[in-house]
Amino acid sequence: MLTVSLIYTLGIGVLLGVFILGFFVWGLNTGAFDHSEDAKYILFRDDDDDD
């Protein structure tokens, strides 16, 4: 009984790891991480369209 639950747990862990790795590779291919340095400067932008 313990080995069956261990196999299921490891299988689900491996599937989740592959799923997350796939999303990471997809993000790299679409350029989601190209401008990661811009995130810290968002506070200093003046995007007010009130004028």
PDB file of N, CA and C in Angstrom:
ATOM      1  N   MET A   1       0.829  -1.197   0.000  1.00  0.00           N
ATOM      2  CA  MET A   1       0.000   0.000   0.000  1.00  0.00           C
ATOM      3  C   MET A   1       0.872   1.259   0.000  1.00  0.00           C
ATOM      4  N   LEU A   2       1.952   1.235   0.767  1.00  0.00           N
ATOM      5  CA  LEU A   2       2.825   2.403   0.828  1.00  0.00           C
ATOM      6  C   LEU A   2       3.537   2.633  -0.497  1.00  0.00           C
ATOM      7  N   THR A   3       3.918   1.575  -1.169  1.00  0.00           N
ATOM      8  CA  THR A   3       4.648   1.741  -2.425  1.00  0.00           C
ATOM      9  C   THR A   3       3.745   2.292  -3.525  1.00  0.00           C
ATOM     10  N   VAL A   4       2.472   1.928  -3.509  1.00  0.00           N
ATOM     11  CA  VAL A   4       1.549   2.440  -4.518  1.00  0.00           C
ATOM     12  C   VAL A   4       1.379   3.945  -4.351  1.00  0.00           C
ATOM     13  N   SER A   5       1.201   4.410  -3.124  1.00  0.00           N
ATOM     14  CA  SER A   5       1.044   5.852  -2.905  1.00  0.00           C
ATOM     15  C   SER A   5       2.353   6.583  -3.195  1.00  0.00           C
ATOM     16  N   LEU A   6       3.476   5.952  -2.931  1.00  0.00           N
ATOM     17  CA  LEU A   6       4.758   6.574  -3.245  1.00  0.00           C
ATOM     18  C   LEU A   6       4.941   6.708  -4.743  1.00  0.00           C
ATOM     19  N   ILE A   7       4.553   5.703  -5.492  1.00  0.00           N
ATOM     20  CA  ILE A   7       4.647   5.759  -6.952  1.00  0.00           C
ATOM     21  C   ILE A   7       3.739   6.845  -7.506  1.00  0.00           C
ATOM     22  N   TYR A   8       2.513   6.954  -6.990  1.00  0.00           N
ATOM     23  CA  TYR A   8       1.601   8.009  -7.424  1.00  0.00           C
ATOM     24  C   TYR A   8       2.158   9.393  -7.098  1.00  0.00           C
ATOM     25  N   THR A   9       2.705   9.546  -5.919  1.00  0.00           N
ATOM     26  CA  THR A   9       3.250  10.835  -5.512  1.00  0.00           C
ATOM     27  C   THR A   9       4.437  11.229  -6.378  1.00  0.00           C
ATOM     28  N   LEU A  10       5.342  10.304  -6.629  1.00  0.00           N
ATOM     29  CA  LEU A  10       6.479  10.595  -7.495  1.00  0.00           C
ATOM     30  C   LEU A  10       6.040  10.868  -8.931  1.00  0.00           C
ATOM     31  N   GLY A  11       5.061  10.136  -9.391  1.00  0.00           N
ATOM     32  CA  GLY A  11       4.544  10.353 -10.750  1.00  0.00           C
ATOM     33  C   GLY A  11       3.919  11.724 -10.903  1.00  0.00           C
ATOM     34  N   ILE A  12       3.132  12.125  -9.933  1.00  0.00           N
ATOM     35  CA  ILE A  12       2.519  13.450  -9.983  1.00  0.00           C
ATOM     36  C   ILE A  12       3.590  14.533  -9.887  1.00  0.00           C
ATOM     37  N   GLY A  13       4.597  14.319  -9.064  1.00  0.00           N
ATOM     38  CA  GLY A  13       5.689  15.282  -8.959  1.00  0.00           C
ATOM     39  C   GLY A  13       6.457  15.437 -10.256  1.00  0.00           C
ATOM     40  N   VAL A  14       6.711  14.336 -10.919  1.00  0.00           N
ATOM     41  CA  VAL A  14       7.417  14.389 -12.201  1.00  0.00           C
ATOM     42  C   VAL A  14       6.564  15.088 -13.243  1.00  0.00           C
ATOM     43  N   LEU A  15       5.276  14.791 -13.282  1.00  0.00           N
ATOM     44  CA  LEU A  15       4.381  15.452 -14.239  1.00  0.00           C
ATOM     45  C   LEU A  15       4.308  16.953 -13.993  1.00  0.00           C
ATOM     46  N   LEU A  16       4.231  17.357 -12.739  1.00  0.00           N
ATOM     47  CA  LEU A  16       4.208  18.787 -12.428  1.00  0.00           C
ATOM     48  C   LEU A  16       5.526  19.450 -12.821  1.00  0.00           C
ATOM     49  N   GLY A  17       6.629  18.772 -12.586  1.00  0.00           N
ATOM     50  CA  GLY A  17       7.925  19.314 -12.973  1.00  0.00           C
ATOM     51  C   GLY A  17       8.041  19.506 -14.478  1.00  0.00           C
ATOM     52  N   VAL A  18       7.577  18.539 -15.239  1.00  0.00           N
ATOM     53  CA  VAL A  18       7.610  18.642 -16.698  1.00  0.00           C
ATOM     54  C   VAL A  18       6.687  19.763 -17.166  1.00  0.00           C
ATOM     55  N   PHE A  19       5.528  19.888 -16.538  1.00  0.00           N
ATOM     56  CA  PHE A  19       4.574  20.932 -16.873  1.00  0.00           C
ATOM     57  C   PHE A  19       5.172  22.322 -16.618  1.00  0.00           C
ATOM     58  N   ILE A  20       5.802  22.512 -15.475  1.00  0.00           N
ATOM     59  CA  ILE A  20       6.408  23.800 -15.130  1.00  0.00           C
ATOM     60  C   ILE A  20       7.600  24.093 -16.038  1.00  0.00           C
ATOM     61  N   LEU A  21       8.400  23.084 -16.321  1.00  0.00           N
ATOM     62  CA  LEU A  21       9.526  23.262 -17.237  1.00  0.00           C
ATOM     63  C   LEU A  21       9.036  23.653 -18.631  1.00  0.00           C
ATOM     64  N   GLY A  22       7.949  23.058 -19.065  1.00  0.00           N
ATOM     65  CA  GLY A  22       7.369  23.418 -20.363  1.00  0.00           C
ATOM     66  C   GLY A  22       6.916  24.867 -20.404  1.00  0.00           C
ATOM     67  N   PHE A  23       6.290  25.340 -19.317  1.00  0.00           N
ATOM     68  CA  PHE A  23       5.887  26.743 -19.268  1.00  0.00           C
ATOM     69  C   PHE A  23       7.095  27.668 -19.246  1.00  0.00           C
ATOM     70  N   PHE A  24       8.154  27.281 -18.572  1.00  0.00           N
ATOM     71  CA  PHE A  24       9.367  28.093 -18.535  1.00  0.00           C
ATOM     72  C   PHE A  24       9.997  28.189 -19.922  1.00  0.00           C
ATOM     73  N   VAL A  25      10.087  27.083 -20.626  1.00  0.00           N
ATOM     74  CA  VAL A  25      10.657  27.090 -21.978  1.00  0.00           C
ATOM     75  C   VAL A  25       9.767  27.896 -22.914  1.00  0.00           C
ATOM     76  N   TRP A  26       8.455  27.786 -22.760  1.00  0.00           N
ATOM     77  CA  TRP A  26       7.524  28.581 -23.566  1.00  0.00           C
ATOM     78  C   TRP A  26       7.740  30.073 -23.303  1.00  0.00           C
ATOM     79  N   GLY A  27       7.942  30.442 -22.048  1.00  0.00           N
ATOM     80  CA  GLY A  27       8.204  31.836 -21.714  1.00  0.00           C
ATOM     81  C   GLY A  27       9.505  32.334 -22.304  1.00  0.00           C
ATOM     82  N   LEU A  28      10.516  31.497 -22.314  1.00  0.00           N
ATOM     83  CA  LEU A  28      11.779  31.885 -22.945  1.00  0.00           C
ATOM     84  C   LEU A  28      11.614  32.088 -24.445  1.00  0.00           C
ATOM     85  N   ASN A  29      10.851  31.214 -25.082  1.00  0.00           N
ATOM     86  CA  ASN A  29      10.670  31.308 -26.532  1.00  0.00           C
ATOM     87  C   ASN A  29       9.821  32.502 -26.938  1.00  0.00           C
ATOM     88  N   THR A  30       8.877  32.912 -26.095  1.00  0.00           N
ATOM     89  CA  THR A  30       8.013  34.045 -26.443  1.00  0.00           C
ATOM     90  C   THR A  30       8.598  35.373 -26.007  1.00  0.00           C
ATOM     91  N   GLY A  31       9.726  35.360 -25.315  1.00  0.00           N
ATOM     92  CA  GLY A  31      10.368  36.597 -24.919  1.00  0.00           C
ATOM     93  C   GLY A  31       9.805  37.202 -23.646  1.00  0.00           C
ATOM     94  N   ALA A  32       9.222  36.422 -22.794  1.00  0.00           N
ATOM     95  CA  ALA A  32       8.618  36.932 -21.569  1.00  0.00           C
ATOM     96  C   ALA A  32       9.660  37.454 -20.587  1.00  0.00           C
ATOM     97  N   PHE A  33      10.897  37.031 -20.700  1.00  0.00           N
ATOM     98  CA  PHE A  33      11.933  37.432 -19.765  1.00  0.00           C
ATOM     99  C   PHE A  33      12.937  38.402 -20.380  1.00  0.00           C
ATOM    100  N   ASP A  34      12.607  38.990 -21.509  1.00  0.00           N
ATOM    101  CA  ASP A  34      13.540  39.878 -22.189  1.00  0.00           C
ATOM    102  C   ASP A  34      13.759  41.192 -21.437  1.00  0.00           C
ATOM    103  N   HIS A  35      12.713  41.728 -20.847  1.00  0.00           N
ATOM    104  CA  HIS A  35      12.793  43.029 -20.192  1.00  0.00           C
ATOM    105  C   HIS A  35      12.559  42.896 -18.693  1.00  0.00           C
ATOM    106  N   SER A  36      13.228  41.985 -18.060  1.00  0.00           N
ATOM    107  CA  SER A  36      13.015  41.759 -16.633  1.00  0.00           C
ATOM    108  C   SER A  36      13.585  42.882 -15.779  1.00  0.00           C
ATOM    109  N   GLU A  37      14.554  43.636 -16.294  1.00  0.00           N
ATOM    110  CA  GLU A  37      15.134  44.743 -15.535  1.00  0.00           C
ATOM    111  C   GLU A  37      14.188  45.942 -15.473  1.00  0.00           C
ATOM    112  N   ASP A  38      13.229  46.040 -16.381  1.00  0.00           N
ATOM    113  CA  ASP A  38      12.306  47.171 -16.395  1.00  0.00           C
ATOM    114  C   ASP A  38      11.329  47.149 -15.234  1.00  0.00           C
ATOM    115  N   ALA A  39      11.131  46.014 -14.617  1.00  0.00           N
ATOM    116  CA  ALA A  39      10.136  45.900 -13.549  1.00  0.00           C
ATOM    117  C   ALA A  39      10.459  46.790 -12.353  1.00  0.00           C
ATOM    118  N   LYS A  40      11.727  46.985 -12.066  1.00  0.00           N
ATOM    119  CA  LYS A  40      12.080  47.800 -10.907  1.00  0.00           C
ATOM    120  C   LYS A  40      11.957  49.297 -11.178  1.00  0.00           C
ATOM    121  N   TYR A  41      11.792  49.694 -12.431  1.00  0.00           N
ATOM    122  CA  TYR A  41      11.671  51.102 -12.769  1.00  0.00           C
ATOM    123  C   TYR A  41      10.230  51.537 -13.020  1.00  0.00           C
ATOM    124  N   ILE A  42       9.272  50.636 -12.870  1.00  0.00           N
ATOM    125  CA  ILE A  42       7.874  50.966 -13.129  1.00  0.00           C
ATOM    126  C   ILE A  42       7.379  52.059 -12.185  1.00  0.00           C
ATOM    127  N   LEU A  43       7.848  52.058 -10.958  1.00  0.00           N
ATOM    128  CA  LEU A  43       7.433  53.082  -9.996  1.00  0.00           C
ATOM    129  C   LEU A  43       7.808  54.487 -10.444  1.00  0.00           C
ATOM    130  N   PHE A  44       8.885  54.632 -11.188  1.00  0.00           N
ATOM    131  CA  PHE A  44       9.392  55.945 -11.557  1.00  0.00           C
ATOM    132  C   PHE A  44       8.836  56.461 -12.879  1.00  0.00           C
ATOM    133  N   ARG A  45       8.008  55.696 -13.549  1.00  0.00           N
ATOM    134  CA  ARG A  45       7.442  56.138 -14.819  1.00  0.00           C
ATOM    135  C   ARG A  45       6.326  57.138 -14.581  1.00  0.00           C
ATOM    136  N   ASP A  46       6.221  58.093 -15.453  1.00  0.00           N
ATOM    137  CA  ASP A  46       5.166  59.093 -15.366  1.00  0.00           C
ATOM    138  C   ASP A  46       4.184  58.830 -16.510  1.00  0.00           C
ATOM    139  N   ASP A  47       3.198  57.995 -16.235  1.00  0.00           N
ATOM    140  CA  ASP A  47       2.221  57.616 -17.243  1.00  0.00           C
ATOM    141  C   ASP A  47       0.885  58.320 -17.060  1.00  0.00           C
ATOM    142  N   ASP A  48       0.892  59.484 -16.407  1.00  0.00           N
ATOM    143  CA  ASP A  48      -0.359  60.224 -16.209  1.00  0.00           C
ATOM    144  C   ASP A  48      -0.796  60.856 -17.518  1.00  0.00           C
ATOM    145  N   ASP A  49      -2.030  60.590 -17.889  1.00  0.00           N
ATOM    146  CA  ASP A  49      -2.602  61.180 -19.112  1.00  0.00           C
ATOM    147  C   ASP A  49      -3.581  62.298 -18.765  1.00  0.00           C
ATOM    148  N   ASP A  50      -3.345  62.981 -17.642  1.00  0.00           N
ATOM    149  CA  ASP A  50      -4.275  64.001 -17.172  1.00  0.00           C
ATOM    150  C   ASP A  50      -4.052  65.357 -17.822  1.00  0.00           C
ATOM    151  N   ASP A  51      -2.900  65.577 -18.507  1.00  0.00           N
ATOM    152  CA  ASP A  51      -2.656  66.912 -19.030  1.00  0.00           C
ATOM    153  C   ASP A  51      -3.398  67.191 -20.283  1.00  0.00           C
TER     154      ASP A  51
END
